[in-house]
Amino acid sequence: TTIESFIGSPYRRSEKVRVYKTHKPRTLPAKSVFVPQEYNQEIDATKIQVICNLARRHQIRAHAASIGH
């Protein structure tokens, strides 16, 4: 799964960042590619590899949260 969006926060010293579909003030472009590696049926979990074009603050967490994980 590939996610391309803008990541940022509405305030300068905000602790949290969020994902925006369009460019807004204080947002930067980010792209993450989630690649499944292996599935563990016992605990119903999948190990993934995440490839990021740029290292934005909380990029992996924000992108995973935006797709419901």
N, C-alpha and C. Protein backbone atom coordinates (compact mmCIF):
# COMPACT_ATOMS: atom_id res chain seq x y z
N THR A 1 0.84 -1.18 0.00
CA THR A 1 0.00 0.00 0.00
C THR A 1 0.88 1.24 0.00
N THR A 2 0.59 2.17 -0.86
CA THR A 2 1.34 3.42 -0.93
C THR A 2 0.45 4.57 -0.49
N ILE A 3 0.97 5.40 0.39
CA ILE A 3 0.22 6.56 0.87
C ILE A 3 1.02 7.81 0.55
N GLU A 4 0.40 8.72 -0.20
CA GLU A 4 1.01 10.01 -0.50
C GLU A 4 0.07 11.07 0.04
N SER A 5 0.58 11.92 0.92
CA SER A 5 -0.24 12.96 1.52
C SER A 5 0.67 14.06 2.06
N PHE A 6 0.06 14.97 2.79
CA PHE A 6 0.80 16.04 3.45
C PHE A 6 0.69 15.82 4.94
N ILE A 7 1.81 15.99 5.65
CA ILE A 7 1.83 15.78 7.09
C ILE A 7 2.23 17.10 7.75
N GLY A 8 1.51 17.44 8.81
CA GLY A 8 1.83 18.65 9.54
C GLY A 8 0.88 18.85 10.70
N SER A 9 0.98 20.00 11.31
CA SER A 9 0.12 20.34 12.44
C SER A 9 -0.35 21.77 12.27
N PRO A 10 -1.51 22.07 12.81
CA PRO A 10 -2.05 23.42 12.60
C PRO A 10 -1.32 24.50 13.40
N TYR A 11 -0.58 24.11 14.44
CA TYR A 11 0.09 25.09 15.29
C TYR A 11 1.59 24.85 15.29
N ARG A 12 2.36 25.88 15.51
CA ARG A 12 3.81 25.79 15.43
C ARG A 12 4.41 24.81 16.44
N ARG A 13 3.99 24.84 17.66
CA ARG A 13 4.56 23.97 18.69
C ARG A 13 3.64 22.80 19.05
N SER A 14 2.84 22.38 18.13
CA SER A 14 1.90 21.29 18.38
C SER A 14 2.65 19.98 18.58
N GLU A 15 2.17 19.17 19.52
CA GLU A 15 2.79 17.88 19.82
C GLU A 15 2.41 16.83 18.77
N LYS A 16 1.22 16.92 18.22
CA LYS A 16 0.74 15.90 17.29
C LYS A 16 0.74 16.41 15.86
N VAL A 17 0.94 15.47 14.96
CA VAL A 17 0.82 15.78 13.54
C VAL A 17 -0.35 14.99 12.98
N ARG A 18 -0.87 15.45 11.86
CA ARG A 18 -1.93 14.71 11.20
C ARG A 18 -1.70 14.69 9.71
N VAL A 19 -2.51 13.87 9.06
CA VAL A 19 -2.40 13.69 7.61
C VAL A 19 -3.46 14.55 6.94
N TYR A 20 -3.04 15.29 5.92
CA TYR A 20 -3.94 16.11 5.13
C TYR A 20 -3.89 15.64 3.68
N LYS A 21 -5.02 15.63 3.02
CA LYS A 21 -5.08 15.21 1.62
C LYS A 21 -4.57 16.30 0.68
N THR A 22 -4.74 17.57 1.07
CA THR A 22 -4.28 18.68 0.25
C THR A 22 -3.29 19.52 1.04
N HIS A 23 -2.52 20.32 0.33
CA HIS A 23 -1.52 21.16 0.97
C HIS A 23 -2.19 22.27 1.77
N LYS A 24 -1.78 22.42 3.00
CA LYS A 24 -2.26 23.48 3.89
C LYS A 24 -1.03 24.16 4.48
N PRO A 25 -1.19 25.31 5.13
CA PRO A 25 -0.05 25.92 5.81
C PRO A 25 0.53 24.97 6.86
N ARG A 26 1.82 24.94 7.00
CA ARG A 26 2.54 24.10 7.97
C ARG A 26 2.46 22.60 7.66
N THR A 27 2.28 22.25 6.40
CA THR A 27 2.31 20.83 6.02
C THR A 27 3.40 20.60 5.00
N LEU A 28 3.93 19.38 4.99
CA LEU A 28 4.97 19.00 4.06
C LEU A 28 4.58 17.70 3.38
N PRO A 29 4.97 17.51 2.11
CA PRO A 29 4.62 16.27 1.42
C PRO A 29 5.36 15.08 2.02
N ALA A 30 4.69 13.93 2.02
CA ALA A 30 5.29 12.70 2.53
C ALA A 30 4.71 11.51 1.77
N LYS A 31 5.54 10.49 1.61
CA LYS A 31 5.11 9.27 0.92
C LYS A 31 5.65 8.07 1.69
N SER A 32 4.77 7.11 1.97
CA SER A 32 5.16 5.89 2.67
C SER A 32 4.64 4.69 1.88
N VAL A 33 5.48 3.67 1.78
CA VAL A 33 5.10 2.43 1.12
C VAL A 33 5.13 1.33 2.18
N PHE A 34 3.99 0.70 2.43
CA PHE A 34 3.87 -0.39 3.40
C PHE A 34 3.96 -1.72 2.64
N VAL A 35 4.97 -2.52 2.96
CA VAL A 35 5.19 -3.80 2.27
C VAL A 35 5.06 -4.93 3.29
N PRO A 36 4.07 -5.82 3.15
CA PRO A 36 3.92 -6.93 4.09
C PRO A 36 5.10 -7.90 3.95
N GLN A 37 5.64 -8.36 5.09
CA GLN A 37 6.78 -9.27 5.08
C GLN A 37 6.36 -10.70 5.43
N GLU A 38 5.69 -10.85 6.57
CA GLU A 38 5.22 -12.19 6.97
C GLU A 38 4.02 -12.06 7.89
N TYR A 39 3.16 -13.08 7.84
CA TYR A 39 1.94 -13.10 8.64
C TYR A 39 2.07 -14.16 9.72
N ASN A 40 1.74 -13.80 10.97
CA ASN A 40 1.75 -14.72 12.10
C ASN A 40 0.30 -15.02 12.45
N GLN A 41 -0.13 -16.23 12.13
CA GLN A 41 -1.53 -16.61 12.33
C GLN A 41 -1.88 -16.75 13.81
N GLU A 42 -0.92 -17.14 14.65
CA GLU A 42 -1.18 -17.33 16.07
C GLU A 42 -1.65 -16.05 16.75
N ILE A 43 -1.03 -14.94 16.42
CA ILE A 43 -1.41 -13.68 17.06
C ILE A 43 -2.12 -12.73 16.10
N ASP A 44 -2.44 -13.22 14.90
CA ASP A 44 -3.16 -12.45 13.89
C ASP A 44 -2.49 -11.09 13.65
N ALA A 45 -1.20 -11.14 13.30
CA ALA A 45 -0.43 -9.92 13.06
C ALA A 45 0.46 -10.11 11.83
N THR A 46 0.70 -9.02 11.14
CA THR A 46 1.56 -9.04 9.97
C THR A 46 2.76 -8.14 10.22
N LYS A 47 3.94 -8.66 9.96
CA LYS A 47 5.17 -7.88 10.03
C LYS A 47 5.29 -7.12 8.72
N ILE A 48 5.55 -5.81 8.81
CA ILE A 48 5.64 -5.00 7.60
C ILE A 48 6.97 -4.26 7.54
N GLN A 49 7.32 -3.86 6.33
CA GLN A 49 8.45 -2.99 6.10
C GLN A 49 7.88 -1.69 5.56
N VAL A 50 8.34 -0.57 6.09
CA VAL A 50 7.85 0.73 5.62
C VAL A 50 9.01 1.46 4.96
N ILE A 51 8.77 1.89 3.73
CA ILE A 51 9.78 2.63 2.97
C ILE A 51 9.28 4.06 2.84
N CYS A 52 10.08 5.01 3.35
CA CYS A 52 9.70 6.42 3.33
C CYS A 52 10.65 7.20 2.42
N ASN A 53 10.10 8.08 1.61
CA ASN A 53 10.96 8.89 0.75
C ASN A 53 11.64 10.00 1.56
N LEU A 54 10.96 10.51 2.56
CA LEU A 54 11.50 11.54 3.45
C LEU A 54 11.15 11.15 4.88
N ALA A 55 11.94 11.57 5.81
CA ALA A 55 11.69 11.22 7.21
C ALA A 55 11.00 12.39 7.90
N ARG A 56 9.69 12.41 7.84
CA ARG A 56 8.91 13.44 8.52
C ARG A 56 8.60 12.97 9.94
N ARG A 57 8.35 13.91 10.82
CA ARG A 57 8.06 13.57 12.22
C ARG A 57 6.76 12.78 12.30
N HIS A 58 6.81 11.62 12.92
CA HIS A 58 5.67 10.73 13.12
C HIS A 58 5.05 10.26 11.81
N GLN A 59 5.81 10.22 10.75
CA GLN A 59 5.26 9.88 9.43
C GLN A 59 4.65 8.49 9.39
N ILE A 60 5.35 7.49 9.90
CA ILE A 60 4.83 6.12 9.84
C ILE A 60 3.58 6.00 10.69
N ARG A 61 3.61 6.53 11.90
CA ARG A 61 2.44 6.46 12.78
C ARG A 61 1.25 7.18 12.17
N ALA A 62 1.47 8.37 11.64
CA ALA A 62 0.37 9.15 11.07
C ALA A 62 -0.22 8.48 9.84
N HIS A 63 0.62 7.95 8.97
CA HIS A 63 0.11 7.27 7.77
C HIS A 63 -0.62 5.98 8.14
N ALA A 64 -0.09 5.22 9.09
CA ALA A 64 -0.78 3.99 9.51
C ALA A 64 -2.13 4.33 10.14
N ALA A 65 -2.17 5.37 10.95
CA ALA A 65 -3.44 5.79 11.57
C ALA A 65 -4.45 6.25 10.53
N SER A 66 -3.96 6.86 9.46
CA SER A 66 -4.89 7.37 8.45
C SER A 66 -5.59 6.27 7.68
N ILE A 67 -5.01 5.05 7.69
CA ILE A 67 -5.68 3.92 7.02
C ILE A 67 -6.28 2.94 8.03
N GLY A 68 -6.36 3.38 9.30
CA GLY A 68 -7.08 2.60 10.30
C GLY A 68 -6.26 1.63 11.12
N HIS A 69 -4.96 1.83 11.23
CA HIS A 69 -4.11 0.94 12.02
C HIS A 69 -3.47 1.69 13.17
